[in-house]
Amino acid sequence: MSRRGIGRRGIGLIGIVYLVIGVVVAATQSYLVAWNVPGNILEGLAAIVLWPLVVLFGVDLHTLIA
């Protein structure tokens, strides 16, 4: 008997879709510019992961992280 689904790790399809939406939101909200500054890298990564806050609640990560 195979245990293919048991204990499987990884991001999965839902995780990939979530991250793709995050990248699109971060790009359209200008969080993915000037990656040579450490603060901008942090803003970009935070915007990708926290995109629901940016879209649904209008949180401005530029002011929170800067």
N, C-alpha and C. Protein backbone atom coordinates (compact mmCIF):
# COMPACT_ATOMS: atom_id res chain seq x y z
N MET A 1 0.84 -1.17 0.00
CA MET A 1 0.00 0.00 0.00
C MET A 1 0.89 1.25 0.00
N SER A 2 0.54 2.22 -0.82
CA SER A 2 1.35 3.42 -0.97
C SER A 2 0.94 4.51 0.03
N ARG A 3 1.94 5.24 0.48
CA ARG A 3 1.69 6.36 1.39
C ARG A 3 2.07 7.68 0.71
N ARG A 4 1.62 7.85 -0.49
CA ARG A 4 1.99 9.03 -1.26
C ARG A 4 1.56 10.33 -0.60
N GLY A 5 0.36 10.42 -0.12
CA GLY A 5 -0.16 11.67 0.41
C GLY A 5 0.17 11.90 1.87
N ILE A 6 0.58 10.87 2.58
CA ILE A 6 0.84 11.01 4.00
C ILE A 6 2.24 11.57 4.22
N GLY A 7 2.32 12.63 5.00
CA GLY A 7 3.61 13.21 5.34
C GLY A 7 4.27 13.99 4.23
N ARG A 8 3.52 14.26 3.18
CA ARG A 8 4.08 15.01 2.07
C ARG A 8 4.26 16.46 2.47
N ARG A 9 5.41 17.00 2.17
CA ARG A 9 5.68 18.40 2.49
C ARG A 9 5.82 19.19 1.19
N GLY A 10 5.60 20.45 1.32
CA GLY A 10 5.72 21.31 0.15
C GLY A 10 4.69 22.41 0.22
N ILE A 11 4.76 23.28 -0.75
CA ILE A 11 3.91 24.46 -0.73
C ILE A 11 2.52 24.18 -1.31
N GLY A 12 2.41 23.34 -2.28
CA GLY A 12 1.13 22.98 -2.85
C GLY A 12 0.59 24.04 -3.81
N LEU A 13 -0.47 23.70 -4.48
CA LEU A 13 -1.06 24.57 -5.49
C LEU A 13 -1.62 25.85 -4.87
N ILE A 14 -2.28 25.74 -3.75
CA ILE A 14 -2.86 26.91 -3.10
C ILE A 14 -1.76 27.87 -2.67
N GLY A 15 -0.67 27.37 -2.15
CA GLY A 15 0.45 28.20 -1.76
C GLY A 15 1.09 28.91 -2.94
N ILE A 16 1.21 28.21 -4.05
CA ILE A 16 1.78 28.82 -5.25
C ILE A 16 0.88 29.94 -5.76
N VAL A 17 -0.43 29.69 -5.79
CA VAL A 17 -1.38 30.72 -6.23
C VAL A 17 -1.31 31.93 -5.30
N TYR A 18 -1.23 31.69 -4.00
CA TYR A 18 -1.13 32.77 -3.01
C TYR A 18 0.11 33.63 -3.26
N LEU A 19 1.24 32.99 -3.50
CA LEU A 19 2.48 33.73 -3.75
C LEU A 19 2.46 34.47 -5.08
N VAL A 20 1.86 33.88 -6.11
CA VAL A 20 1.76 34.55 -7.41
C VAL A 20 0.89 35.80 -7.28
N ILE A 21 -0.23 35.69 -6.57
CA ILE A 21 -1.06 36.87 -6.33
C ILE A 21 -0.27 37.91 -5.54
N GLY A 22 0.50 37.47 -4.57
CA GLY A 22 1.32 38.39 -3.79
C GLY A 22 2.33 39.13 -4.63
N VAL A 23 2.97 38.45 -5.56
CA VAL A 23 3.94 39.09 -6.44
C VAL A 23 3.25 40.12 -7.34
N VAL A 24 2.08 39.77 -7.87
CA VAL A 24 1.34 40.70 -8.73
C VAL A 24 0.92 41.94 -7.93
N VAL A 25 0.39 41.74 -6.74
CA VAL A 25 -0.02 42.88 -5.90
C VAL A 25 1.20 43.73 -5.54
N ALA A 26 2.28 43.11 -5.14
CA ALA A 26 3.49 43.85 -4.77
C ALA A 26 4.03 44.65 -5.96
N ALA A 27 3.97 44.08 -7.14
CA ALA A 27 4.45 44.77 -8.33
C ALA A 27 3.56 45.95 -8.69
N THR A 28 2.26 45.78 -8.59
CA THR A 28 1.35 46.86 -8.95
C THR A 28 1.33 47.97 -7.91
N GLN A 29 1.70 47.68 -6.68
CA GLN A 29 1.72 48.68 -5.62
C GLN A 29 3.12 49.28 -5.42
N SER A 30 4.04 49.02 -6.32
CA SER A 30 5.41 49.56 -6.32
C SER A 30 6.25 49.11 -5.12
N TYR A 31 6.08 47.87 -4.71
CA TYR A 31 6.93 47.33 -3.65
C TYR A 31 8.13 46.58 -4.21
N LEU A 32 8.15 46.33 -5.50
CA LEU A 32 9.24 45.57 -6.11
C LEU A 32 10.15 46.46 -6.94
N VAL A 33 10.61 47.55 -6.34
CA VAL A 33 11.54 48.45 -7.01
C VAL A 33 12.77 48.63 -6.14
N ALA A 34 13.90 48.91 -6.76
CA ALA A 34 15.17 49.21 -6.08
C ALA A 34 15.51 48.16 -5.02
N TRP A 35 15.77 46.93 -5.49
CA TRP A 35 16.09 45.83 -4.57
C TRP A 35 17.52 45.92 -4.04
N ASN A 36 18.22 47.01 -4.30
CA ASN A 36 19.58 47.14 -3.78
C ASN A 36 19.60 47.76 -2.38
N VAL A 37 18.46 48.15 -1.87
CA VAL A 37 18.36 48.72 -0.52
C VAL A 37 17.71 47.68 0.38
N PRO A 38 18.34 47.33 1.51
CA PRO A 38 17.79 46.27 2.38
C PRO A 38 16.35 46.54 2.82
N GLY A 39 16.00 47.77 3.08
CA GLY A 39 14.62 48.08 3.48
C GLY A 39 13.62 47.79 2.38
N ASN A 40 14.02 48.02 1.14
CA ASN A 40 13.13 47.74 0.01
C ASN A 40 12.95 46.24 -0.19
N ILE A 41 13.99 45.48 0.08
CA ILE A 41 13.87 44.02 -0.01
C ILE A 41 12.88 43.52 1.02
N LEU A 42 12.98 44.04 2.23
CA LEU A 42 12.06 43.66 3.29
C LEU A 42 10.62 44.07 2.95
N GLU A 43 10.44 45.27 2.41
CA GLU A 43 9.12 45.72 2.00
C GLU A 43 8.55 44.82 0.92
N GLY A 44 9.36 44.47 -0.06
CA GLY A 44 8.90 43.62 -1.15
C GLY A 44 8.47 42.24 -0.67
N LEU A 45 9.30 41.64 0.17
CA LEU A 45 8.96 40.32 0.69
C LEU A 45 7.73 40.37 1.59
N ALA A 46 7.63 41.41 2.41
CA ALA A 46 6.46 41.57 3.27
C ALA A 46 5.20 41.78 2.44
N ALA A 47 5.30 42.55 1.37
CA ALA A 47 4.14 42.79 0.51
C ALA A 47 3.69 41.51 -0.18
N ILE A 48 4.63 40.66 -0.55
CA ILE A 48 4.27 39.39 -1.19
C ILE A 48 3.53 38.49 -0.20
N VAL A 49 4.01 38.41 1.02
CA VAL A 49 3.41 37.52 2.01
C VAL A 49 2.13 38.12 2.61
N LEU A 50 2.12 39.43 2.81
CA LEU A 50 0.99 40.09 3.48
C LEU A 50 0.07 40.80 2.50
N TRP A 51 -0.02 40.32 1.27
CA TRP A 51 -0.81 41.00 0.26
C TRP A 51 -2.28 41.17 0.63
N PRO A 52 -2.90 40.29 1.40
CA PRO A 52 -4.31 40.55 1.76
C PRO A 52 -4.47 41.84 2.57
N LEU A 53 -3.49 42.17 3.41
CA LEU A 53 -3.56 43.42 4.17
C LEU A 53 -3.48 44.63 3.25
N VAL A 54 -2.65 44.52 2.23
CA VAL A 54 -2.47 45.62 1.29
C VAL A 54 -3.73 45.82 0.46
N VAL A 55 -4.30 44.73 -0.03
CA VAL A 55 -5.46 44.82 -0.92
C VAL A 55 -6.75 45.09 -0.15
N LEU A 56 -7.01 44.32 0.89
CA LEU A 56 -8.30 44.40 1.57
C LEU A 56 -8.40 45.57 2.55
N PHE A 57 -7.30 45.90 3.22
CA PHE A 57 -7.36 46.91 4.27
C PHE A 57 -6.57 48.18 3.94
N GLY A 58 -5.91 48.21 2.79
CA GLY A 58 -5.18 49.39 2.38
C GLY A 58 -3.97 49.73 3.22
N VAL A 59 -3.36 48.71 3.82
CA VAL A 59 -2.17 48.94 4.65
C VAL A 59 -1.02 49.39 3.74
N ASP A 60 -0.33 50.44 4.13
CA ASP A 60 0.81 50.95 3.37
C ASP A 60 2.10 50.46 4.05
N LEU A 61 2.70 49.45 3.49
CA LEU A 61 3.91 48.88 4.08
C LEU A 61 5.11 49.82 3.95
N HIS A 62 5.03 50.78 3.02
CA HIS A 62 6.13 51.74 2.88
C HIS A 62 6.31 52.52 4.18
N THR A 63 5.22 52.91 4.81
CA THR A 63 5.31 53.69 6.04
C THR A 63 5.54 52.82 7.26
N LEU A 64 5.09 51.58 7.22
CA LEU A 64 5.26 50.70 8.38
C LEU A 64 6.69 50.22 8.52
N ILE A 65 7.36 49.93 7.42
CA ILE A 65 8.69 49.33 7.46
C ILE A 65 9.79 50.38 7.41
N ALA A 66 9.53 51.50 6.77
CA ALA A 66 10.57 52.53 6.60
C ALA A 66 11.06 53.11 7.88
